[in-house]
């Protein structure tokens, strides 16, 4: 499973947790995990431009 897939799954879990009105502590932990996955994803990209950055530079 790739980093991008982990981010999408974690976002889905966070959305479901919010809809279930789980405690803010649990929501915070899920959100922090998403942040970790995003940082890992960008580190893996090693400075290459994202699709968004490429569109902005055009």
PDB file of N, CA and C in Angstrom:
ATOM      1  N   UNK A   1       0.850  -1.172   0.000  1.00  0.00           N
ATOM      2  CA  UNK A   1       0.000   0.000   0.000  1.00  0.00           C
ATOM      3  C   UNK A   1       0.893   1.231   0.000  1.00  0.00           C
ATOM      4  N   UNK A   2       0.625   2.129  -0.907  1.00  0.00           N
ATOM      5  CA  UNK A   2       1.424   3.332  -1.027  1.00  0.00           C
ATOM      6  C   UNK A   2       1.047   4.396  -0.007  1.00  0.00           C
ATOM      7  N   UNK A   3       1.906   5.396   0.078  1.00  0.00           N
ATOM      8  CA  UNK A   3       1.679   6.498   1.023  1.00  0.00           C
ATOM      9  C   UNK A   3       0.391   7.244   0.690  1.00  0.00           C
ATOM     10  N   UNK A   4       0.162   7.441  -0.602  1.00  0.00           N
ATOM     11  CA  UNK A   4      -1.035   8.173  -1.017  1.00  0.00           C
ATOM     12  C   UNK A   4      -2.303   7.407  -0.628  1.00  0.00           C
ATOM     13  N   UNK A   5      -2.256   6.077  -0.756  1.00  0.00           N
ATOM     14  CA  UNK A   5      -3.391   5.250  -0.361  1.00  0.00           C
ATOM     15  C   UNK A   5      -3.645   5.351   1.143  1.00  0.00           C
ATOM     16  N   UNK A   6      -2.559   5.354   1.924  1.00  0.00           N
ATOM     17  CA  UNK A   6      -2.701   5.482   3.376  1.00  0.00           C
ATOM     18  C   UNK A   6      -3.364   6.804   3.753  1.00  0.00           C
ATOM     19  N   UNK A   7      -3.001   7.862   3.045  1.00  0.00           N
ATOM     20  CA  UNK A   7      -3.594   9.177   3.313  1.00  0.00           C
ATOM     21  C   UNK A   7      -5.090   9.143   3.026  1.00  0.00           C
ATOM     22  N   UNK A   8      -5.467   8.574   1.892  1.00  0.00           N
ATOM     23  CA  UNK A   8      -6.883   8.525   1.517  1.00  0.00           C
ATOM     24  C   UNK A   8      -7.693   7.681   2.496  1.00  0.00           C
ATOM     25  N   UNK A   9      -7.142   6.547   2.917  1.00  0.00           N
ATOM     26  CA  UNK A   9      -7.854   5.685   3.859  1.00  0.00           C
ATOM     27  C   UNK A   9      -8.014   6.389   5.204  1.00  0.00           C
ATOM     28  N   UNK A  10      -6.939   7.017   5.662  1.00  0.00           N
ATOM     29  CA  UNK A  10      -6.992   7.717   6.946  1.00  0.00           C
ATOM     30  C   UNK A  10      -7.981   8.875   6.892  1.00  0.00           C
ATOM     31  N   UNK A  11      -8.056   9.582   5.779  1.00  0.00           N
ATOM     32  CA  UNK A  11      -9.026  10.671   5.641  1.00  0.00           C
ATOM     33  C   UNK A  11     -10.450  10.132   5.709  1.00  0.00           C
ATOM     34  N   UNK A  12     -10.661   8.984   5.081  1.00  0.00           N
ATOM     35  CA  UNK A  12     -11.975   8.352   5.121  1.00  0.00           C
ATOM     36  C   UNK A  12     -12.336   7.940   6.549  1.00  0.00           C
ATOM     37  N   UNK A  13     -11.366   7.390   7.262  1.00  0.00           N
ATOM     38  CA  UNK A  13     -11.590   7.004   8.656  1.00  0.00           C
ATOM     39  C   UNK A  13     -11.917   8.235   9.496  1.00  0.00           C
ATOM     40  N   UNK A  14     -11.195   9.329   9.268  1.00  0.00           N
ATOM     41  CA  UNK A  14     -11.457  10.562  10.013  1.00  0.00           C
ATOM     42  C   UNK A  14     -12.868  11.080   9.746  1.00  0.00           C
ATOM     43  N   UNK A  15     -13.269  11.058   8.501  1.00  0.00           N
ATOM     44  CA  UNK A  15     -14.618  11.510   8.141  1.00  0.00           C
ATOM     45  C   UNK A  15     -15.676  10.647   8.836  1.00  0.00           C
ATOM     46  N   UNK A  16     -15.476   9.335   8.800  1.00  0.00           N
ATOM     47  CA  UNK A  16     -16.428   8.437   9.460  1.00  0.00           C
ATOM     48  C   UNK A  16     -16.450   8.671  10.964  1.00  0.00           C
ATOM     49  N   UNK A  17     -15.286   8.886  11.554  1.00  0.00           N
ATOM     50  CA  UNK A  17     -15.211   9.135  12.998  1.00  0.00           C
ATOM     51  C   UNK A  17     -15.944  10.422  13.357  1.00  0.00           C
ATOM     52  N   UNK A  18     -15.814  11.443  12.516  1.00  0.00           N
ATOM     53  CA  UNK A  18     -16.517  12.702  12.763  1.00  0.00           C
ATOM     54  C   UNK A  18     -18.020  12.497  12.678  1.00  0.00           C
ATOM     55  N   UNK A  19     -18.458  11.733  11.678  1.00  0.00           N
ATOM     56  CA  UNK A  19     -19.886  11.473  11.508  1.00  0.00           C
ATOM     57  C   UNK A  19     -20.465  10.664  12.671  1.00  0.00           C
ATOM     58  N   UNK A  20     -19.625   9.878  13.318  1.00  0.00           N
ATOM     59  CA  UNK A  20     -20.067   9.066  14.454  1.00  0.00           C
ATOM     60  C   UNK A  20     -19.954   9.837  15.774  1.00  0.00           C
ATOM     61  N   UNK A  21     -19.527  11.097  15.693  1.00  0.00           N
ATOM     62  CA  UNK A  21     -19.387  11.952  16.877  1.00  0.00           C
ATOM     63  C   UNK A  21     -18.445  11.357  17.927  1.00  0.00           C
ATOM     64  N   UNK A  22     -17.310  10.820  17.472  1.00  0.00           N
ATOM     65  CA  UNK A  22     -16.323  10.293  18.403  1.00  0.00           C
ATOM     66  C   UNK A  22     -15.650  11.448  19.139  1.00  0.00           C
ATOM     67  N   UNK A  23     -14.966  11.122  20.201  1.00  0.00           N
ATOM     68  CA  UNK A  23     -14.350  12.158  21.034  1.00  0.00           C
ATOM     69  C   UNK A  23     -13.280  12.928  20.256  1.00  0.00           C
ATOM     70  N   UNK A  24     -13.051  14.139  20.689  1.00  0.00           N
ATOM     71  CA  UNK A  24     -12.050  14.979  20.024  1.00  0.00           C
ATOM     72  C   UNK A  24     -10.651  14.402  20.170  1.00  0.00           C
ATOM     73  N   UNK A  25     -10.400  13.647  21.243  1.00  0.00           N
ATOM     74  CA  UNK A  25      -9.089  13.017  21.406  1.00  0.00           C
ATOM     75  C   UNK A  25      -8.825  12.003  20.300  1.00  0.00           C
ATOM     76  N   UNK A  26      -9.825  11.213  19.979  1.00  0.00           N
ATOM     77  CA  UNK A  26      -9.677  10.224  18.909  1.00  0.00           C
ATOM     78  C   UNK A  26      -9.522  10.919  17.572  1.00  0.00           C
ATOM     79  N   UNK A  27     -10.329  11.947  17.335  1.00  0.00           N
ATOM     80  CA  UNK A  27     -10.224  12.695  16.082  1.00  0.00           C
ATOM     81  C   UNK A  27      -8.843  13.319  15.931  1.00  0.00           C
ATOM     82  N   UNK A  28      -8.310  13.835  17.021  1.00  0.00           N
ATOM     83  CA  UNK A  28      -6.981  14.438  16.996  1.00  0.00           C
ATOM     84  C   UNK A  28      -5.914  13.402  16.652  1.00  0.00           C
ATOM     85  N   UNK A  29      -6.004  12.215  17.236  1.00  0.00           N
ATOM     86  CA  UNK A  29      -5.028  11.161  16.948  1.00  0.00           C
ATOM     87  C   UNK A  29      -5.069  10.743  15.482  1.00  0.00           C
ATOM     88  N   UNK A  30      -6.274  10.621  14.938  1.00  0.00           N
ATOM     89  CA  UNK A  30      -6.410  10.267  13.521  1.00  0.00           C
ATOM     90  C   UNK A  30      -5.831  11.377  12.655  1.00  0.00           C
ATOM     91  N   UNK A  31      -6.131  12.613  12.996  1.00  0.00           N
ATOM     92  CA  UNK A  31      -5.623  13.752  12.241  1.00  0.00           C
ATOM     93  C   UNK A  31      -4.099  13.816  12.279  1.00  0.00           C
ATOM     94  N   UNK A  32      -3.525  13.542  13.431  1.00  0.00           N
ATOM     95  CA  UNK A  32      -2.069  13.540  13.555  1.00  0.00           C
ATOM     96  C   UNK A  32      -1.448  12.436  12.704  1.00  0.00           C
ATOM     97  N   UNK A  33      -2.124  11.299  12.615  1.00  0.00           N
ATOM     98  CA  UNK A  33      -1.632  10.199  11.787  1.00  0.00           C
ATOM     99  C   UNK A  33      -1.650  10.612  10.318  1.00  0.00           C
ATOM    100  N   UNK A  34      -2.707  11.304   9.918  1.00  0.00           N
ATOM    101  CA  UNK A  34      -2.789  11.798   8.539  1.00  0.00           C
ATOM    102  C   UNK A  34      -1.633  12.765   8.264  1.00  0.00           C
ATOM    103  N   UNK A  35      -1.381  13.660   9.207  1.00  0.00           N
ATOM    104  CA  UNK A  35      -0.266  14.607   9.057  1.00  0.00           C
ATOM    105  C   UNK A  35       1.057  13.859   8.866  1.00  0.00           C
ATOM    106  N   UNK A  36       1.253  12.806   9.638  1.00  0.00           N
ATOM    107  CA  UNK A  36       2.479  12.007   9.526  1.00  0.00           C
ATOM    108  C   UNK A  36       2.589  11.387   8.135  1.00  0.00           C
ATOM    109  N   UNK A  37       1.485  10.824   7.638  1.00  0.00           N
ATOM    110  CA  UNK A  37       1.493  10.217   6.307  1.00  0.00           C
ATOM    111  C   UNK A  37       1.778  11.250   5.223  1.00  0.00           C
ATOM    112  N   UNK A  38       1.237  12.455   5.379  1.00  0.00           N
ATOM    113  CA  UNK A  38       1.466  13.513   4.392  1.00  0.00           C
ATOM    114  C   UNK A  38       2.936  13.912   4.377  1.00  0.00           C
ATOM    115  N   UNK A  39       3.539  14.067   5.546  1.00  0.00           N
ATOM    116  CA  UNK A  39       4.957  14.414   5.627  1.00  0.00           C
ATOM    117  C   UNK A  39       5.798  13.318   4.969  1.00  0.00           C
ATOM    118  N   UNK A  40       5.489  12.064   5.257  1.00  0.00           N
ATOM    119  CA  UNK A  40       6.224  10.949   4.661  1.00  0.00           C
ATOM    120  C   UNK A  40       6.074  10.948   3.143  1.00  0.00           C
ATOM    121  N   UNK A  41       4.875  11.266   2.679  1.00  0.00           N
ATOM    122  CA  UNK A  41       4.625  11.300   1.241  1.00  0.00           C
ATOM    123  C   UNK A  41       5.473  12.370   0.557  1.00  0.00           C
ATOM    124  N   UNK A  42       5.513  13.559   1.151  1.00  0.00           N
ATOM    125  CA  UNK A  42       6.302  14.634   0.558  1.00  0.00           C
ATOM    126  C   UNK A  42       7.796  14.350   0.642  1.00  0.00           C
ATOM    127  N   UNK A  43       8.236  13.705   1.700  1.00  0.00           N
ATOM    128  CA  UNK A  43       9.643  13.336   1.801  1.00  0.00           C
ATOM    129  C   UNK A  43       9.987  12.301   0.740  1.00  0.00           C
ATOM    130  N   UNK A  44       9.063  11.406   0.463  1.00  0.00           N
ATOM    131  CA  UNK A  44       9.274  10.388  -0.554  1.00  0.00           C
ATOM    132  C   UNK A  44       9.381  11.028  -1.935  1.00  0.00           C
ATOM    133  N   UNK A  45       8.599  12.076  -2.150  1.00  0.00           N
ATOM    134  CA  UNK A  45       8.631  12.767  -3.439  1.00  0.00           C
ATOM    135  C   UNK A  45       9.969  13.463  -3.665  1.00  0.00           C
ATOM    136  N   UNK A  46      10.659  13.758  -2.582  1.00  0.00           N
ATOM    137  CA  UNK A  46      12.009  14.323  -2.636  1.00  0.00           C
ATOM    138  C   UNK A  46      12.090  15.597  -3.458  1.00  0.00           C
ATOM    139  N   UNK A  47      11.157  16.475  -3.208  1.00  0.00           N
ATOM    140  CA  UNK A  47      11.240  17.785  -3.839  1.00  0.00           C
ATOM    141  C   UNK A  47      10.666  17.875  -5.234  1.00  0.00           C
ATOM    142  N   UNK A  48      10.132  16.801  -5.772  1.00  0.00           N
ATOM    143  CA  UNK A  48       9.533  16.900  -7.093  1.00  0.00           C
ATOM    144  C   UNK A  48       8.235  17.682  -6.989  1.00  0.00           C
ATOM    145  N   UNK A  49       7.877  18.344  -8.062  1.00  0.00           N
ATOM    146  CA  UNK A  49       6.684  19.178  -8.048  1.00  0.00           C
ATOM    147  C   UNK A  49       5.425  18.326  -8.013  1.00  0.00           C
ATOM    148  N   UNK A  50       4.444  18.806  -7.279  1.00  0.00           N
ATOM    149  CA  UNK A  50       3.143  18.152  -7.261  1.00  0.00           C
ATOM    150  C   UNK A  50       2.339  18.647  -8.453  1.00  0.00           C
ATOM    151  N   UNK A  51       1.226  17.976  -8.728  1.00  0.00           N
ATOM    152  CA  UNK A  51       0.364  18.397  -9.836  1.00  0.00           C
ATOM    153  C   UNK A  51      -0.109  19.829  -9.630  1.00  0.00           C
ATOM    154  N   UNK A  52      -0.438  20.191  -8.401  1.00  0.00           N
ATOM    155  CA  UNK A  52      -0.912  21.532  -8.086  1.00  0.00           C
ATOM    156  C   UNK A  52       0.167  22.566  -8.380  1.00  0.00           C
ATOM    157  N   UNK A  53       1.406  22.289  -7.966  1.00  0.00           N
ATOM    158  CA  UNK A  53       2.508  23.224  -8.203  1.00  0.00           C
ATOM    159  C   UNK A  53       2.790  23.381  -9.694  1.00  0.00           C
ATOM    160  N   UNK A  54       2.662  22.290 -10.445  1.00  0.00           N
ATOM    161  CA  UNK A  54       2.886  22.365 -11.886  1.00  0.00           C
ATOM    162  C   UNK A  54       1.830  23.240 -12.564  1.00  0.00           C
ATOM    163  N   UNK A  55       0.588  23.125 -12.122  1.00  0.00           N
ATOM    164  CA  UNK A  55      -0.483  23.929 -12.700  1.00  0.00           C
ATOM    165  C   UNK A  55      -0.283  25.410 -12.378  1.00  0.00           C
ATOM    166  N   UNK A  56       0.206  25.697 -11.154  1.00  0.00           N
ATOM    167  CA  UNK A  56       0.426  27.093 -10.756  1.00  0.00           C
ATOM    168  C   UNK A  56       1.537  27.731 -11.586  1.00  0.00           C
ATOM    169  N   UNK A  57       2.544  26.963 -11.960  1.00  0.00           N
ATOM    170  CA  UNK A  57       3.691  27.536 -12.655  1.00  0.00           C
ATOM    171  C   UNK A  57       3.405  27.791 -14.132  1.00  0.00           C
ATOM    172  N   UNK A  58       2.274  27.273 -14.636  1.00  0.00           N
ATOM    173  CA  UNK A  58       1.948  27.464 -16.047  1.00  0.00           C
ATOM    174  C   UNK A  58       1.289  28.786 -16.306  1.00  0.00           C
TER     175      UNK A  58
END
